Amino acid sequence: MRRDEEFSEFFTSRFDWARRTAYALCGDWSEAEELAQNAFVKAYAKWPSIRRETAEGYVRTIVTRLFLDSRRRGRGREHPVADLPDHGVSGGFSDPDAKLNAALQQVGPKQRAALVLRFVHDLSIEQTAAELGCSVGNVKSQTARGLAALREAYGEPVNSESA
């Protein structure tokens, strides 16, 4: 029973963080919630073997990989139209991150994942490579291309010497 209590405490304290991470990756709150929930389901199955001090990184890796898997399978191109979209009412307040989130959605999934892990989660290049399951060089190139695409999405000129 202690296992369930520990996991419940971890889930309660970190679910919103995981959902925000997923949102930074996918740009849709419904999909973000689904990604976060699926990540915690997978983490729960492995909970006895997960070290508590690395549990957050473990869930972050699962969220990132679930996101990338969904893009490889084409889920990101699905747009159901039978139901109304699940968008919250802003209550008259503007979202300060709206422009960034809109620009991030114009960046490719792998580049977006590299940007979110490097700059939102402040991971090193080596840590990002481990989470994405790729080489350090791949992270560097994905990050450089992602930053160039992000600048372009913002409408800023991309200096070819700095890219």
N, C-alpha and C. Protein backbone atom coordinates (compact mmCIF):
# COMPACT_ATOMS: atom_id res chain seq x y z
N MET A 1 0.82 -1.19 0.00
CA MET A 1 0.00 0.00 0.00
C MET A 1 0.87 1.26 0.00
N ARG A 2 2.06 1.18 0.55
CA ARG A 2 2.98 2.32 0.58
C ARG A 2 3.31 2.79 -0.84
N ARG A 3 3.43 1.84 -1.77
CA ARG A 3 3.71 2.15 -3.17
C ARG A 3 2.65 3.10 -3.72
N ASP A 4 1.38 2.78 -3.48
CA ASP A 4 0.28 3.60 -3.98
C ASP A 4 0.29 4.99 -3.35
N GLU A 5 0.59 5.06 -2.06
CA GLU A 5 0.63 6.35 -1.39
C GLU A 5 1.76 7.22 -1.95
N GLU A 6 2.92 6.64 -2.14
CA GLU A 6 4.05 7.38 -2.70
C GLU A 6 3.74 7.87 -4.10
N PHE A 7 3.18 6.99 -4.91
CA PHE A 7 2.88 7.38 -6.29
C PHE A 7 1.79 8.45 -6.31
N SER A 8 0.79 8.30 -5.47
CA SER A 8 -0.30 9.28 -5.41
C SER A 8 0.24 10.66 -5.05
N GLU A 9 1.15 10.70 -4.10
CA GLU A 9 1.76 11.97 -3.70
C GLU A 9 2.57 12.56 -4.85
N PHE A 10 3.34 11.72 -5.54
CA PHE A 10 4.14 12.18 -6.68
C PHE A 10 3.22 12.68 -7.79
N PHE A 11 2.19 11.92 -8.10
CA PHE A 11 1.24 12.29 -9.15
C PHE A 11 0.59 13.64 -8.83
N THR A 12 0.12 13.79 -7.62
CA THR A 12 -0.56 15.02 -7.21
C THR A 12 0.35 16.23 -7.32
N SER A 13 1.60 16.05 -6.93
CA SER A 13 2.52 17.19 -6.93
C SER A 13 3.09 17.51 -8.31
N ARG A 14 3.11 16.55 -9.22
CA ARG A 14 3.81 16.76 -10.50
C ARG A 14 2.92 16.69 -11.74
N PHE A 15 1.63 16.39 -11.60
CA PHE A 15 0.79 16.24 -12.79
C PHE A 15 0.69 17.55 -13.57
N ASP A 16 0.45 18.65 -12.89
CA ASP A 16 0.29 19.92 -13.61
C ASP A 16 1.58 20.29 -14.34
N TRP A 17 2.71 20.04 -13.71
CA TRP A 17 4.01 20.27 -14.35
C TRP A 17 4.13 19.43 -15.62
N ALA A 18 3.76 18.16 -15.56
CA ALA A 18 3.85 17.28 -16.73
C ALA A 18 2.89 17.74 -17.82
N ARG A 19 1.72 18.19 -17.44
CA ARG A 19 0.73 18.66 -18.41
C ARG A 19 1.24 19.94 -19.10
N ARG A 20 1.86 20.83 -18.35
CA ARG A 20 2.42 22.05 -18.95
C ARG A 20 3.57 21.71 -19.90
N THR A 21 4.38 20.74 -19.53
CA THR A 21 5.45 20.30 -20.41
C THR A 21 4.86 19.75 -21.71
N ALA A 22 3.85 18.91 -21.59
CA ALA A 22 3.20 18.34 -22.77
C ALA A 22 2.58 19.44 -23.62
N TYR A 23 1.99 20.45 -22.98
CA TYR A 23 1.39 21.55 -23.73
C TYR A 23 2.45 22.32 -24.52
N ALA A 24 3.61 22.54 -23.90
CA ALA A 24 4.70 23.22 -24.61
C ALA A 24 5.11 22.44 -25.84
N LEU A 25 4.98 21.11 -25.78
CA LEU A 25 5.32 20.28 -26.92
C LEU A 25 4.23 20.25 -27.99
N CYS A 26 2.97 20.08 -27.57
CA CYS A 26 1.91 19.84 -28.55
C CYS A 26 1.02 21.04 -28.82
N GLY A 27 0.92 21.98 -27.90
CA GLY A 27 0.12 23.17 -28.12
C GLY A 27 -1.38 22.98 -27.99
N ASP A 28 -1.82 21.88 -27.40
CA ASP A 28 -3.25 21.60 -27.24
C ASP A 28 -3.46 21.04 -25.84
N TRP A 29 -4.32 21.72 -25.05
CA TRP A 29 -4.49 21.31 -23.66
C TRP A 29 -5.10 19.91 -23.53
N SER A 30 -6.02 19.55 -24.41
CA SER A 30 -6.63 18.21 -24.33
C SER A 30 -5.59 17.13 -24.59
N GLU A 31 -4.80 17.33 -25.64
CA GLU A 31 -3.76 16.35 -25.95
C GLU A 31 -2.68 16.35 -24.86
N ALA A 32 -2.38 17.51 -24.31
CA ALA A 32 -1.38 17.60 -23.24
C ALA A 32 -1.83 16.79 -22.03
N GLU A 33 -3.10 16.91 -21.69
CA GLU A 33 -3.62 16.15 -20.55
C GLU A 33 -3.52 14.65 -20.83
N GLU A 34 -3.84 14.25 -22.05
CA GLU A 34 -3.76 12.83 -22.42
C GLU A 34 -2.31 12.34 -22.36
N LEU A 35 -1.38 13.13 -22.88
CA LEU A 35 0.03 12.74 -22.83
C LEU A 35 0.51 12.60 -21.39
N ALA A 36 0.14 13.56 -20.55
CA ALA A 36 0.56 13.51 -19.14
C ALA A 36 -0.04 12.30 -18.44
N GLN A 37 -1.32 12.05 -18.66
CA GLN A 37 -1.97 10.90 -18.04
C GLN A 37 -1.31 9.60 -18.47
N ASN A 38 -1.05 9.46 -19.77
CA ASN A 38 -0.41 8.24 -20.27
C ASN A 38 1.00 8.08 -19.70
N ALA A 39 1.69 9.19 -19.53
CA ALA A 39 3.04 9.11 -18.94
C ALA A 39 2.98 8.61 -17.51
N PHE A 40 2.01 9.10 -16.74
CA PHE A 40 1.89 8.65 -15.35
C PHE A 40 1.42 7.20 -15.26
N VAL A 41 0.62 6.76 -16.21
CA VAL A 41 0.21 5.35 -16.24
C VAL A 41 1.44 4.47 -16.45
N LYS A 42 2.29 4.87 -17.40
CA LYS A 42 3.52 4.11 -17.65
C LYS A 42 4.46 4.15 -16.45
N ALA A 43 4.55 5.31 -15.81
CA ALA A 43 5.41 5.44 -14.63
C ALA A 43 4.90 4.60 -13.48
N TYR A 44 3.59 4.54 -13.32
CA TYR A 44 3.01 3.74 -12.23
C TYR A 44 3.37 2.25 -12.41
N ALA A 45 3.34 1.79 -13.65
CA ALA A 45 3.66 0.39 -13.92
C ALA A 45 5.10 0.06 -13.51
N LYS A 46 5.98 1.04 -13.59
CA LYS A 46 7.40 0.84 -13.26
C LYS A 46 7.77 1.42 -11.90
N TRP A 47 6.80 1.95 -11.18
CA TRP A 47 7.07 2.68 -9.93
C TRP A 47 7.99 1.96 -8.95
N PRO A 48 7.85 0.65 -8.73
CA PRO A 48 8.74 -0.01 -7.76
C PRO A 48 10.22 0.08 -8.15
N SER A 49 10.51 0.19 -9.45
CA SER A 49 11.91 0.21 -9.87
C SER A 49 12.43 1.63 -10.16
N ILE A 50 11.59 2.64 -10.02
CA ILE A 50 12.01 4.02 -10.28
C ILE A 50 12.58 4.62 -9.00
N ARG A 51 13.79 5.19 -9.12
CA ARG A 51 14.37 5.89 -7.97
C ARG A 51 13.63 7.21 -7.79
N ARG A 52 13.25 7.52 -6.60
CA ARG A 52 12.42 8.71 -6.35
C ARG A 52 13.10 10.00 -6.76
N GLU A 53 14.42 10.05 -6.64
CA GLU A 53 15.13 11.28 -6.99
C GLU A 53 15.20 11.50 -8.51
N THR A 54 14.92 10.48 -9.29
CA THR A 54 14.93 10.63 -10.75
C THR A 54 13.54 10.46 -11.36
N ALA A 55 12.52 10.37 -10.54
CA ALA A 55 11.16 10.12 -11.04
C ALA A 55 10.67 11.24 -11.96
N GLU A 56 10.99 12.47 -11.63
CA GLU A 56 10.55 13.59 -12.46
C GLU A 56 11.16 13.51 -13.87
N GLY A 57 12.44 13.22 -13.94
CA GLY A 57 13.10 13.07 -15.23
C GLY A 57 12.55 11.90 -16.02
N TYR A 58 12.21 10.83 -15.30
CA TYR A 58 11.63 9.65 -15.93
C TYR A 58 10.30 10.01 -16.60
N VAL A 59 9.45 10.73 -15.89
CA VAL A 59 8.14 11.12 -16.44
C VAL A 59 8.33 12.12 -17.59
N ARG A 60 9.27 13.05 -17.46
CA ARG A 60 9.53 14.01 -18.53
C ARG A 60 9.96 13.28 -19.80
N THR A 61 10.80 12.27 -19.66
CA THR A 61 11.23 11.49 -20.81
C THR A 61 10.04 10.78 -21.45
N ILE A 62 9.18 10.20 -20.64
CA ILE A 62 8.00 9.51 -21.18
C ILE A 62 7.10 10.49 -21.92
N VAL A 63 6.85 11.66 -21.34
CA VAL A 63 6.00 12.66 -22.00
C VAL A 63 6.60 13.04 -23.35
N THR A 64 7.89 13.30 -23.37
CA THR A 64 8.56 13.70 -24.61
C THR A 64 8.48 12.61 -25.66
N ARG A 65 8.75 11.40 -25.27
CA ARG A 65 8.72 10.29 -26.24
C ARG A 65 7.30 9.97 -26.71
N LEU A 66 6.32 10.08 -25.82
CA LEU A 66 4.93 9.89 -26.24
C LEU A 66 4.53 10.94 -27.27
N PHE A 67 4.96 12.18 -27.03
CA PHE A 67 4.69 13.26 -27.99
C PHE A 67 5.32 12.95 -29.34
N LEU A 68 6.61 12.61 -29.34
CA LEU A 68 7.29 12.32 -30.60
C LEU A 68 6.67 11.11 -31.31
N ASP A 69 6.31 10.08 -30.56
CA ASP A 69 5.64 8.91 -31.15
C ASP A 69 4.32 9.30 -31.80
N SER A 70 3.56 10.17 -31.14
CA SER A 70 2.27 10.57 -31.70
C SER A 70 2.46 11.34 -33.01
N ARG A 71 3.55 12.08 -33.14
CA ARG A 71 3.80 12.82 -34.38
C ARG A 71 4.28 11.89 -35.49
N ARG A 72 5.01 10.87 -35.13
CA ARG A 72 5.46 9.91 -36.14
C ARG A 72 4.28 9.14 -36.70
N ARG A 73 3.28 8.90 -35.86
CA ARG A 73 2.10 8.16 -36.30
C ARG A 73 1.07 9.05 -36.98
N GLY A 74 1.34 10.34 -37.03
CA GLY A 74 0.45 11.25 -37.72
C GLY A 74 -0.67 11.81 -36.88
N ARG A 75 -0.67 11.56 -35.59
CA ARG A 75 -1.75 12.05 -34.75
C ARG A 75 -1.83 13.56 -34.76
N GLY A 76 -0.70 14.21 -34.89
CA GLY A 76 -0.69 15.67 -34.88
C GLY A 76 -1.48 16.26 -36.03
N ARG A 77 -1.76 15.47 -37.05
CA ARG A 77 -2.52 15.97 -38.19
C ARG A 77 -4.01 15.72 -38.06
N GLU A 78 -4.41 15.01 -37.01
CA GLU A 78 -5.84 14.75 -36.79
C GLU A 78 -6.52 16.01 -36.31
N HIS A 79 -7.68 16.31 -36.87
CA HIS A 79 -8.45 17.47 -36.44
C HIS A 79 -9.93 17.09 -36.43
N PRO A 80 -10.41 16.50 -35.33
CA PRO A 80 -11.83 16.14 -35.29
C PRO A 80 -12.69 17.39 -35.38
N VAL A 81 -13.76 17.28 -36.17
CA VAL A 81 -14.62 18.45 -36.36
C VAL A 81 -16.04 18.23 -35.85
N ALA A 82 -16.37 17.03 -35.44
CA ALA A 82 -17.73 16.75 -34.98
C ALA A 82 -18.02 17.40 -33.63
N ASP A 83 -17.00 17.59 -32.82
CA ASP A 83 -17.17 18.18 -31.50
C ASP A 83 -16.58 19.58 -31.47
N LEU A 84 -17.10 20.40 -30.60
CA LEU A 84 -16.54 21.72 -30.42
C LEU A 84 -15.18 21.61 -29.75
N PRO A 85 -14.25 22.48 -30.08
CA PRO A 85 -12.92 22.42 -29.45
C PRO A 85 -13.00 22.75 -27.97
N ASP A 86 -12.10 22.15 -27.22
CA ASP A 86 -12.01 22.37 -25.78
C ASP A 86 -11.07 23.54 -25.51
N HIS A 87 -11.56 24.73 -25.63
CA HIS A 87 -10.74 25.90 -25.34
C HIS A 87 -11.36 26.65 -24.17
N GLY A 88 -10.55 26.95 -23.18
CA GLY A 88 -11.06 27.66 -22.02
C GLY A 88 -11.31 29.13 -22.35
N VAL A 89 -12.11 29.74 -21.56
CA VAL A 89 -12.39 31.16 -21.71
C VAL A 89 -11.29 31.92 -20.97
N SER A 90 -10.74 32.92 -21.61
CA SER A 90 -9.61 33.63 -21.01
C SER A 90 -10.02 34.59 -19.92
N GLY A 91 -11.29 34.94 -19.83
CA GLY A 91 -11.74 35.85 -18.78
C GLY A 91 -11.23 37.27 -18.99
N GLY A 92 -10.91 37.59 -20.26
CA GLY A 92 -10.45 38.95 -20.55
C GLY A 92 -8.96 39.14 -20.35
N PHE A 93 -8.26 38.14 -19.88
CA PHE A 93 -6.82 38.25 -19.68
C PHE A 93 -6.12 37.63 -20.89
N SER A 94 -5.07 38.27 -21.34
CA SER A 94 -4.32 37.70 -22.45
C SER A 94 -3.26 36.75 -21.91
N ASP A 95 -2.95 35.75 -22.69
CA ASP A 95 -1.93 34.78 -22.32
C ASP A 95 -0.58 35.33 -22.76
N PRO A 96 0.31 35.63 -21.82
CA PRO A 96 1.60 36.21 -22.20
C PRO A 96 2.45 35.24 -23.04
N ASP A 97 2.17 33.96 -22.94
CA ASP A 97 2.94 32.98 -23.70
C ASP A 97 2.27 32.60 -25.01
N ALA A 98 1.16 33.23 -25.36
CA ALA A 98 0.40 32.85 -26.55
C ALA A 98 1.26 32.96 -27.82
N LYS A 99 2.00 34.05 -27.96
CA LYS A 99 2.82 34.22 -29.16
C LYS A 99 3.92 33.16 -29.22
N LEU A 100 4.54 32.89 -28.08
CA LEU A 100 5.58 31.86 -28.03
C LEU A 100 4.99 30.49 -28.36
N ASN A 101 3.85 30.16 -27.76
CA ASN A 101 3.24 28.85 -28.02
C ASN A 101 2.83 28.72 -29.48
N ALA A 102 2.29 29.78 -30.06
CA ALA A 102 1.91 29.75 -31.48
C ALA A 102 3.15 29.55 -32.36
N ALA A 103 4.23 30.24 -32.03
CA ALA A 103 5.47 30.10 -32.80
C ALA A 103 6.06 28.70 -32.63
N LEU A 104 6.01 28.18 -31.39
CA LEU A 104 6.54 26.83 -31.14
C LEU A 104 5.81 25.77 -31.97
N GLN A 105 4.51 25.96 -32.19
CA GLN A 105 3.74 24.99 -32.96
C GLN A 105 4.13 24.96 -34.43
N GLN A 106 4.85 25.99 -34.88
CA GLN A 106 5.31 26.03 -36.27
C GLN A 106 6.68 25.36 -36.44
N VAL A 107 7.27 24.95 -35.34
CA VAL A 107 8.57 24.27 -35.35
C VAL A 107 8.31 22.77 -35.40
N GLY A 108 9.14 22.04 -36.13
CA GLY A 108 8.98 20.59 -36.22
C GLY A 108 9.01 19.90 -34.87
N PRO A 109 8.35 18.74 -34.74
CA PRO A 109 8.24 18.07 -33.43
C PRO A 109 9.57 17.76 -32.75
N LYS A 110 10.54 17.24 -33.48
CA LYS A 110 11.82 16.88 -32.86
C LYS A 110 12.57 18.14 -32.43
N GLN A 111 12.52 19.17 -33.28
CA GLN A 111 13.16 20.44 -32.93
C GLN A 111 12.46 21.07 -31.74
N ARG A 112 11.13 21.00 -31.71
CA ARG A 112 10.35 21.55 -30.60
C ARG A 112 10.71 20.83 -29.31
N ALA A 113 10.83 19.51 -29.37
CA ALA A 113 11.19 18.74 -28.18
C ALA A 113 12.57 19.16 -27.68
N ALA A 114 13.51 19.33 -28.59
CA ALA A 114 14.85 19.76 -28.19
C ALA A 114 14.80 21.15 -27.54
N LEU A 115 14.03 22.06 -28.11
CA LEU A 115 13.93 23.40 -27.54
C LEU A 115 13.29 23.39 -26.16
N VAL A 116 12.22 22.63 -26.01
CA VAL A 116 11.53 22.57 -24.71
C VAL A 116 12.44 21.97 -23.64
N LEU A 117 13.12 20.88 -23.99
CA LEU A 117 14.00 20.25 -23.00
C LEU A 117 15.20 21.14 -22.66
N ARG A 118 15.78 21.77 -23.68
CA ARG A 118 16.97 22.60 -23.44
C ARG A 118 16.64 23.90 -22.71
N PHE A 119 15.55 24.59 -23.13
CA PHE A 119 15.33 25.94 -22.64
C PHE A 119 14.20 26.07 -21.63
N VAL A 120 13.20 25.22 -21.70
CA VAL A 120 12.14 25.26 -20.69
C VAL A 120 12.58 24.48 -19.45
N HIS A 121 13.17 23.29 -19.68
CA HIS A 121 13.60 22.46 -18.56
C HIS A 121 15.08 22.65 -18.22
N ASP A 122 15.78 23.48 -18.98
CA ASP A 122 17.17 23.83 -18.71
C ASP A 122 18.07 22.60 -18.60
N LEU A 123 17.84 21.63 -19.49
CA LEU A 123 18.69 20.44 -19.51
C LEU A 123 19.94 20.71 -20.34
N SER A 124 21.01 20.03 -20.01
CA SER A 124 22.23 20.15 -20.80
C SER A 124 22.03 19.44 -22.14
N ILE A 125 22.96 19.65 -23.03
CA ILE A 125 22.89 18.97 -24.33
C ILE A 125 22.94 17.46 -24.13
N GLU A 126 23.78 17.01 -23.22
CA GLU A 126 23.92 15.57 -22.96
C GLU A 126 22.63 14.99 -22.35
N GLN A 127 22.03 15.72 -21.41
CA GLN A 127 20.78 15.25 -20.81
C GLN A 127 19.66 15.21 -21.85
N THR A 128 19.60 16.21 -22.70
CA THR A 128 18.59 16.25 -23.76
C THR A 128 18.78 15.08 -24.71
N ALA A 129 20.02 14.80 -25.07
CA ALA A 129 20.30 13.66 -25.96
C ALA A 129 19.84 12.36 -25.32
N ALA A 130 20.08 12.21 -24.03
CA ALA A 130 19.64 10.98 -23.34
C ALA A 130 18.12 10.88 -23.33
N GLU A 131 17.43 11.99 -23.09
CA GLU A 131 15.96 11.96 -23.05
C GLU A 131 15.37 11.68 -24.42
N LEU A 132 16.00 12.22 -25.47
CA LEU A 132 15.48 12.01 -26.82
C LEU A 132 15.98 10.72 -27.45
N GLY A 133 16.98 10.11 -26.83
CA GLY A 133 17.53 8.87 -27.37
C GLY A 133 18.28 9.10 -28.68
N CYS A 134 19.06 10.19 -28.71
CA CYS A 134 19.82 10.51 -29.92
C CYS A 134 21.21 11.01 -29.52
N SER A 135 22.01 11.37 -30.52
CA SER A 135 23.38 11.82 -30.24
C SER A 135 23.40 13.29 -29.82
N VAL A 136 24.52 13.69 -29.22
CA VAL A 136 24.73 15.07 -28.82
C VAL A 136 24.72 15.96 -30.05
N GLY A 137 25.34 15.52 -31.12
CA GLY A 137 25.36 16.28 -32.37
C GLY A 137 23.96 16.51 -32.92
N ASN A 138 23.11 15.50 -32.80
CA ASN A 138 21.74 15.62 -33.27
C ASN A 138 21.00 16.68 -32.46
N VAL A 139 21.22 16.68 -31.15
CA VAL A 139 20.58 17.70 -30.29
C VAL A 139 21.04 19.09 -30.70
N LYS A 140 22.34 19.25 -30.94
CA LYS A 140 22.86 20.55 -31.34
C LYS A 140 22.23 21.03 -32.65
N SER A 141 22.15 20.13 -33.64
CA SER A 141 21.58 20.54 -34.92
C SER A 141 20.07 20.78 -34.82
N GLN A 142 19.37 19.94 -34.06
CA GLN A 142 17.92 20.14 -33.89
C GLN A 142 17.65 21.46 -33.15
N THR A 143 18.47 21.77 -32.16
CA THR A 143 18.30 23.01 -31.41
C THR A 143 18.57 24.22 -32.31
N ALA A 144 19.65 24.18 -33.09
CA ALA A 144 19.98 25.30 -33.98
C ALA A 144 18.89 25.50 -35.02
N ARG A 145 18.44 24.42 -35.63
CA ARG A 145 17.36 24.52 -36.62
C ARG A 145 16.06 24.98 -35.98
N GLY A 146 15.79 24.47 -34.78
CA GLY A 146 14.58 24.87 -34.07
C GLY A 146 14.58 26.34 -33.71
N LEU A 147 15.72 26.85 -33.25
CA LEU A 147 15.82 28.28 -32.94
C LEU A 147 15.63 29.13 -34.19
N ALA A 148 16.20 28.69 -35.31
CA ALA A 148 16.03 29.42 -36.58
C ALA A 148 14.56 29.42 -36.99
N ALA A 149 13.90 28.28 -36.86
CA ALA A 149 12.48 28.19 -37.21
C ALA A 149 11.63 29.04 -36.27
N LEU A 150 12.00 29.07 -35.00
CA LEU A 150 11.28 29.88 -34.01
C LEU A 150 11.43 31.37 -34.32
N ARG A 151 12.65 31.77 -34.67
CA ARG A 151 12.87 33.17 -35.05
C ARG A 151 12.04 33.53 -36.28
N GLU A 152 12.02 32.63 -37.24
CA GLU A 152 11.23 32.86 -38.46
C GLU A 152 9.74 32.95 -38.13
N ALA A 153 9.27 32.09 -37.25
CA ALA A 153 7.86 32.11 -36.86
C ALA A 153 7.51 33.41 -36.15
N TYR A 154 8.46 33.99 -35.45
CA TYR A 154 8.27 35.28 -34.79
C TYR A 154 8.38 36.44 -35.78
N GLY A 155 8.83 36.13 -36.98
CA GLY A 155 8.98 37.18 -37.99
C GLY A 155 10.29 37.91 -37.91
N GLU A 156 11.24 37.33 -37.15
CA GLU A 156 12.56 37.96 -37.05
C GLU A 156 13.44 37.41 -38.15
N PRO A 157 14.28 38.26 -38.73
CA PRO A 157 15.19 37.76 -39.78
C PRO A 157 16.19 36.78 -39.18
N VAL A 158 16.45 35.72 -39.92
CA VAL A 158 17.40 34.71 -39.46
C VAL A 158 18.75 35.01 -40.08
N ASN A 159 19.75 35.25 -39.23
CA ASN A 159 21.10 35.50 -39.68
C ASN A 159 21.74 34.17 -39.99
N SER A 160 22.12 33.93 -41.23
CA SER A 160 22.66 32.64 -41.62
C SER A 160 23.99 32.34 -40.93
N GLU A 161 24.71 33.38 -40.50
CA GLU A 161 25.98 33.15 -39.81
C GLU A 161 25.75 32.60 -38.39
N SER A 162 24.62 32.98 -37.74
CA SER A 162 24.40 32.55 -36.36
C SER A 162 23.61 31.25 -36.30
N ALA A 163 23.04 30.81 -37.39
CA ALA A 163 22.23 29.59 -37.39
C ALA A 163 23.02 28.37 -37.56
